[in-house]
Amino acid sequence: MIQRDTDVVGLTKEYGTLLRKSAPLTPGGAEAVSRDQLVISLVESADWTAEGAAALAKVAEDYGIFMLRNALALAIALDIEDGRLGY
């Protein structure tokens, strides 16, 4: 099995910083960032396309940590890097 760069802790810190910058004055902080704000931030600061950023936000909101953690582990075990959708 080939190990991929799965630095989830590093990405979590990076996206947390991005969220705090997206809504620094919003009550509730990063938790109050709208989907539109999030997509714009991902496009401008994290090199996502608008389509990819919207899909990423939707997947995170729809599935949450439990399912995605398990999906990540399974994708690594199956050696699936980009998946069928090609993001």
C-alpha atoms as a PDB file:
ATOM      1  CA  MET A   1       0.000   0.000   0.000  1.00  0.00           C
ATOM      2  CA  ILE A   2       1.357   3.398  -1.023  1.00  0.00           C
ATOM      3  CA  GLN A   3       1.058   6.065   1.678  1.00  0.00           C
ATOM      4  CA  ARG A   4      -0.221   9.433   0.501  1.00  0.00           C
ATOM      5  CA  ASP A   5       0.386  12.796   2.134  1.00  0.00           C
ATOM      6  CA  THR A   6      -2.475  12.719   4.620  1.00  0.00           C
ATOM      7  CA  ASP A   7      -1.396  15.550   6.913  1.00  0.00           C
ATOM      8  CA  VAL A   8      -4.907  16.165   8.173  1.00  0.00           C
ATOM      9  CA  VAL A   9      -3.625  18.041  11.234  1.00  0.00           C
ATOM     10  CA  GLY A  10      -1.713  20.490   9.034  1.00  0.00           C
ATOM     11  CA  LEU A  11      -4.690  20.980   6.720  1.00  0.00           C
ATOM     12  CA  THR A  12      -6.998  21.457   9.691  1.00  0.00           C
ATOM     13  CA  LYS A  13      -4.774  24.251  11.000  1.00  0.00           C
ATOM     14  CA  GLU A  14      -4.534  25.819   7.528  1.00  0.00           C
ATOM     15  CA  TYR A  15      -8.302  25.770   6.986  1.00  0.00           C
ATOM     16  CA  GLY A  16      -8.941  26.991  10.540  1.00  0.00           C
ATOM     17  CA  THR A  17      -6.723  30.008   9.858  1.00  0.00           C
ATOM     18  CA  LEU A  18      -8.524  30.572   6.553  1.00  0.00           C
ATOM     19  CA  LEU A  19     -11.914  30.482   8.290  1.00  0.00           C
ATOM     20  CA  ARG A  20     -10.840  32.907  11.014  1.00  0.00           C
ATOM     21  CA  LYS A  21      -9.620  35.320   8.331  1.00  0.00           C
ATOM     22  CA  SER A  22     -12.900  34.928   6.426  1.00  0.00           C
ATOM     23  CA  ALA A  23     -15.075  36.051   9.318  1.00  0.00           C
ATOM     24  CA  PRO A  24     -12.891  37.745  11.937  1.00  0.00           C
ATOM     25  CA  LEU A  25     -15.609  40.145  13.028  1.00  0.00           C
ATOM     26  CA  THR A  26     -18.570  37.790  12.698  1.00  0.00           C
ATOM     27  CA  PRO A  27     -20.205  36.709  15.951  1.00  0.00           C
ATOM     28  CA  GLY A  28     -19.478  33.015  16.315  1.00  0.00           C
ATOM     29  CA  GLY A  29     -16.188  33.271  14.424  1.00  0.00           C
ATOM     30  CA  ALA A  30     -15.365  30.531  11.934  1.00  0.00           C
ATOM     31  CA  GLU A  31     -18.550  28.638  12.774  1.00  0.00           C
ATOM     32  CA  ALA A  32     -20.570  31.556  11.379  1.00  0.00           C
ATOM     33  CA  VAL A  33     -18.919  31.569   7.938  1.00  0.00           C
ATOM     34  CA  SER A  34     -21.519  31.149   5.204  1.00  0.00           C
ATOM     35  CA  ARG A  35     -21.047  28.591   2.460  1.00  0.00           C
ATOM     36  CA  ASP A  36     -20.524  31.447  -0.037  1.00  0.00           C
ATOM     37  CA  GLN A  37     -17.831  33.030   2.160  1.00  0.00           C
ATOM     38  CA  LEU A  38     -16.158  29.647   2.556  1.00  0.00           C
ATOM     39  CA  VAL A  39     -16.115  28.965  -1.194  1.00  0.00           C
ATOM     40  CA  ILE A  40     -14.663  32.412  -1.923  1.00  0.00           C
ATOM     41  CA  SER A  41     -11.957  31.911   0.713  1.00  0.00           C
ATOM     42  CA  LEU A  42     -11.035  28.467  -0.622  1.00  0.00           C
ATOM     43  CA  VAL A  43     -10.770  29.839  -4.169  1.00  0.00           C
ATOM     44  CA  GLU A  44      -8.761  32.914  -3.187  1.00  0.00           C
ATOM     45  CA  SER A  45      -6.490  31.388  -0.539  1.00  0.00           C
ATOM     46  CA  ALA A  46      -6.311  27.641  -1.063  1.00  0.00           C
ATOM     47  CA  ASP A  47      -6.140  27.281  -4.860  1.00  0.00           C
ATOM     48  CA  TRP A  48      -9.495  25.536  -5.252  1.00  0.00           C
ATOM     49  CA  THR A  49     -11.737  26.098  -8.248  1.00  0.00           C
ATOM     50  CA  ALA A  50     -15.194  27.431  -7.419  1.00  0.00           C
ATOM     51  CA  GLU A  51     -16.719  24.063  -8.355  1.00  0.00           C
ATOM     52  CA  GLY A  52     -14.219  22.110  -6.254  1.00  0.00           C
ATOM     53  CA  ALA A  53     -14.584  24.445  -3.261  1.00  0.00           C
ATOM     54  CA  ALA A  54     -18.381  24.188  -3.372  1.00  0.00           C
ATOM     55  CA  ALA A  55     -18.180  20.383  -3.574  1.00  0.00           C
ATOM     56  CA  LEU A  56     -15.668  20.259  -0.701  1.00  0.00           C
ATOM     57  CA  ALA A  57     -17.881  22.424   1.521  1.00  0.00           C
ATOM     58  CA  LYS A  58     -20.955  20.339   0.690  1.00  0.00           C
ATOM     59  CA  VAL A  59     -19.195  17.044   1.438  1.00  0.00           C
ATOM     60  CA  ALA A  60     -17.928  18.369   4.790  1.00  0.00           C
ATOM     61  CA  GLU A  61     -21.382  19.665   5.750  1.00  0.00           C
ATOM     62  CA  ASP A  62     -23.245  16.564   4.527  1.00  0.00           C
ATOM     63  CA  TYR A  63     -20.979  13.850   5.973  1.00  0.00           C
ATOM     64  CA  GLY A  64     -19.078  15.356   8.909  1.00  0.00           C
ATOM     65  CA  ILE A  65     -16.008  14.100  10.746  1.00  0.00           C
ATOM     66  CA  PHE A  66     -17.090  10.532  11.570  1.00  0.00           C
ATOM     67  CA  MET A  67     -17.889   9.486   8.009  1.00  0.00           C
ATOM     68  CA  LEU A  68     -15.058  11.427   6.373  1.00  0.00           C
ATOM     69  CA  ARG A  69     -12.419  10.067   8.757  1.00  0.00           C
ATOM     70  CA  ASN A  70     -13.476   6.557   7.848  1.00  0.00           C
ATOM     71  CA  ALA A  71     -13.692   7.416   4.140  1.00  0.00           C
ATOM     72  CA  LEU A  72     -10.129   8.798   4.280  1.00  0.00           C
ATOM     73  CA  ALA A  73      -8.834   5.620   5.902  1.00  0.00           C
ATOM     74  CA  LEU A  74     -10.627   3.467   3.334  1.00  0.00           C
ATOM     75  CA  ALA A  75      -9.379   5.590   0.404  1.00  0.00           C
ATOM     76  CA  ILE A  76      -5.811   5.213   1.686  1.00  0.00           C
ATOM     77  CA  ALA A  77      -6.230   1.429   2.056  1.00  0.00           C
ATOM     78  CA  LEU A  78      -7.685   1.225  -1.478  1.00  0.00           C
ATOM     79  CA  ASP A  79      -4.981   3.559  -2.849  1.00  0.00           C
ATOM     80  CA  ILE A  80      -7.551   6.030  -4.206  1.00  0.00           C
ATOM     81  CA  GLU A  81      -5.984   9.469  -4.561  1.00  0.00           C
ATOM     82  CA  ASP A  82      -8.302  11.622  -6.679  1.00  0.00           C
ATOM     83  CA  GLY A  83     -11.433   9.484  -6.941  1.00  0.00           C
ATOM     84  CA  ARG A  84     -13.854   9.195  -9.848  1.00  0.00           C
ATOM     85  CA  LEU A  85     -14.852  12.851  -9.776  1.00  0.00           C
ATOM     86  CA  GLY A  86     -11.251  13.943 -10.342  1.00  0.00           C
ATOM     87  CA  TYR A  87     -10.984  16.815  -7.895  1.00  0.00           C
END
